[in-house]
């Protein structure tokens, strides 16, 4: 738990009021990572949705033969991860590794269900923000693929 002003009013929490942010902040666990530490491993069951409070994380996948690491993206402060696993209840599709000293907030699955039950409007806004971000990421990757042709 931490002060309500730590939750950014953009990104995952865009559109939420100060009171809503304060209520959600009570359900957030803060975790620190050092360079090279993984927050989430490909194939692992994610405990929830992480949002980056400061620092940077590399998003990578193993090549099909398992011999190479393919870097997909770098996520920075204000961005989040674990949302795909949250939305489709699947194991992590990528590994998230801290590139520098980093701090994340984690909203575990059971905490999200409490938000859904106690404040459905906040829950809906958060899920819509996840969907918007996923759409943006998908469009960016599509544009990158077209550029390679």
Protein backbone atom coordinates (compact mmCIF):
# COMPACT_ATOMS: atom_id res chain seq x y z
CA UNK A 1 0.00 0.00 0.00
CA UNK A 2 1.17 3.54 -0.67
CA UNK A 3 0.00 7.10 -1.07
CA UNK A 4 -2.85 7.64 -3.50
CA UNK A 5 -0.78 10.11 -5.53
CA UNK A 6 1.53 7.30 -6.72
CA UNK A 7 -1.01 5.80 -9.11
CA UNK A 8 -0.66 7.66 -12.38
CA UNK A 9 -3.95 9.15 -13.61
CA UNK A 10 -3.05 8.04 -17.16
CA UNK A 11 -2.32 4.75 -18.87
CA UNK A 12 -3.97 1.88 -17.03
CA UNK A 13 -5.79 4.29 -14.71
CA UNK A 14 -6.86 6.93 -17.25
CA UNK A 15 -10.27 8.37 -16.47
CA UNK A 16 -10.41 7.32 -12.82
CA UNK A 17 -11.20 9.90 -10.15
CA UNK A 18 -8.87 10.66 -7.23
CA UNK A 19 -11.20 8.70 -4.94
CA UNK A 20 -11.13 5.71 -7.28
CA UNK A 21 -7.33 5.90 -7.51
CA UNK A 22 -7.09 6.04 -3.73
CA UNK A 23 -9.26 2.94 -3.36
CA UNK A 24 -7.25 1.02 -5.93
CA UNK A 25 -3.93 2.06 -4.37
CA UNK A 26 -4.94 0.08 -1.27
CA UNK A 27 -4.93 -3.07 -3.42
CA UNK A 28 -1.50 -2.56 -4.99
CA UNK A 29 1.68 -4.40 -3.99
CA UNK A 30 4.95 -2.60 -4.80
CA UNK A 31 7.90 -4.63 -6.06
CA UNK A 32 11.46 -3.56 -6.82
CA UNK A 33 13.66 -5.17 -9.48
CA UNK A 34 17.37 -4.81 -10.20
CA UNK A 35 18.93 -5.00 -13.69
CA UNK A 36 18.66 -8.53 -15.06
CA UNK A 37 15.90 -9.64 -12.69
CA UNK A 38 12.75 -11.00 -14.29
CA UNK A 39 9.32 -9.86 -13.23
CA UNK A 40 7.56 -12.42 -15.41
CA UNK A 41 8.88 -15.43 -17.33
CA UNK A 42 7.51 -16.74 -20.61
CA UNK A 43 5.20 -19.65 -19.82
CA UNK A 44 4.72 -18.58 -16.17
CA UNK A 45 1.26 -17.96 -14.74
CA UNK A 46 1.11 -14.22 -14.10
CA UNK A 47 -0.03 -13.15 -10.64
CA UNK A 48 -1.80 -10.09 -12.07
CA UNK A 49 -1.18 -6.85 -13.91
CA UNK A 50 2.04 -4.90 -13.35
CA UNK A 51 2.40 -1.17 -14.00
CA UNK A 52 5.81 0.45 -14.19
CA UNK A 53 6.28 3.19 -11.60
CA UNK A 54 9.88 3.84 -12.65
CA UNK A 55 12.55 2.07 -14.66
CA UNK A 56 12.52 0.06 -17.88
CA UNK A 57 11.74 -3.55 -18.79
CA UNK A 58 12.72 -5.56 -21.83
CA UNK A 59 10.01 -7.74 -23.37
CA UNK A 60 11.50 -10.85 -25.00
CA UNK A 61 10.54 -14.28 -26.31
CA UNK A 62 12.54 -17.39 -27.01
CA UNK A 63 12.96 -18.38 -30.65
CA UNK A 64 11.00 -21.50 -31.67
CA UNK A 65 14.13 -23.65 -31.23
CA UNK A 66 14.80 -22.05 -27.82
CA UNK A 67 18.34 -21.01 -28.77
CA UNK A 68 17.84 -17.27 -29.26
CA UNK A 69 16.22 -14.46 -27.36
CA UNK A 70 14.12 -12.14 -29.50
CA UNK A 71 13.55 -8.66 -28.04
CA UNK A 72 10.04 -7.48 -28.82
CA UNK A 73 9.88 -4.15 -27.00
CA UNK A 74 11.06 -1.99 -24.14
CA UNK A 75 8.45 -0.79 -21.65
CA UNK A 76 8.97 2.34 -19.57
CA UNK A 77 7.39 4.26 -16.71
CA UNK A 78 3.62 4.53 -17.09
CA UNK A 79 3.31 1.37 -19.20
CA UNK A 80 2.02 -1.96 -17.96
CA UNK A 81 2.34 -5.68 -18.58
CA UNK A 82 0.59 -8.91 -17.64
CA UNK A 83 -2.67 -7.61 -19.08
CA UNK A 84 -2.86 -10.24 -21.83
CA UNK A 85 -2.53 -13.01 -19.29
CA UNK A 86 -5.11 -11.30 -17.11
CA UNK A 87 -7.59 -10.97 -19.97
CA UNK A 88 -7.27 -14.45 -21.46
CA UNK A 89 -6.12 -16.48 -18.42
CA UNK A 90 -3.12 -17.87 -20.29
CA UNK A 91 0.52 -18.25 -19.26
CA UNK A 92 2.85 -15.33 -20.00
CA UNK A 93 3.64 -15.01 -23.70
CA UNK A 94 6.95 -13.23 -23.05
CA UNK A 95 9.64 -12.61 -20.45
CA UNK A 96 9.89 -9.20 -18.76
CA UNK A 97 13.39 -8.33 -17.53
CA UNK A 98 14.43 -5.17 -15.70
CA UNK A 99 17.00 -3.15 -17.63
CA UNK A 100 17.74 -0.88 -14.68
CA UNK A 101 16.63 -0.48 -11.08
CA UNK A 102 12.88 -0.48 -11.48
CA UNK A 103 9.75 -0.34 -9.36
CA UNK A 104 6.38 -1.75 -10.33
CA UNK A 105 2.94 -1.85 -8.83
CA UNK A 106 1.16 -5.19 -9.00
CA UNK A 107 -2.57 -5.67 -8.86
CA UNK A 108 -3.12 -9.36 -8.30
CA UNK A 109 -5.98 -11.20 -9.96
CA UNK A 110 -7.96 -11.53 -6.71
CA UNK A 111 -7.57 -7.78 -6.10
CA UNK A 112 -8.98 -7.08 -9.57
CA UNK A 113 -11.97 -9.25 -8.73
CA UNK A 114 -12.49 -7.21 -5.54
CA UNK A 115 -12.40 -4.01 -7.63
CA UNK A 116 -14.92 -5.58 -10.03
CA UNK A 117 -17.24 -6.44 -7.16
CA UNK A 118 -16.92 -3.20 -5.18
CA UNK A 119 -16.52 -0.66 -7.98
CA UNK A 120 -17.56 -2.09 -11.37
CA UNK A 121 -17.21 1.30 -13.10
CA UNK A 122 -13.51 1.50 -12.16
CA UNK A 123 -13.03 -2.09 -13.28
CA UNK A 124 -14.62 -1.36 -16.66
CA UNK A 125 -12.45 1.73 -17.19
CA UNK A 126 -9.27 -0.21 -16.37
CA UNK A 127 -10.21 -3.04 -18.76
CA UNK A 128 -11.04 -0.49 -21.49
CA UNK A 129 -7.63 1.13 -20.95
CA UNK A 130 -6.02 -2.31 -21.32
CA UNK A 131 -7.92 -2.85 -24.57
CA UNK A 132 -6.90 0.57 -25.91
CA UNK A 133 -3.26 -0.15 -25.15
CA UNK A 134 -3.43 -3.59 -26.76
CA UNK A 135 -4.98 -2.06 -29.86
CA UNK A 136 -2.24 0.56 -30.04
CA UNK A 137 0.50 -2.05 -29.62
CA UNK A 138 -1.08 -4.25 -32.29
CA UNK A 139 -1.26 -1.36 -34.76
CA UNK A 140 2.39 -0.45 -34.06
CA UNK A 141 3.56 -4.03 -34.62
CA UNK A 142 1.49 -4.21 -37.81
CA UNK A 143 3.14 -1.02 -39.07
CA UNK A 144 6.58 -2.43 -38.19
CA UNK A 145 5.85 -5.62 -40.14
CA UNK A 146 4.70 -3.66 -43.20
CA UNK A 147 7.91 -1.56 -43.06
CA UNK A 148 9.96 -4.76 -43.26
CA UNK A 149 8.31 -5.80 -46.55
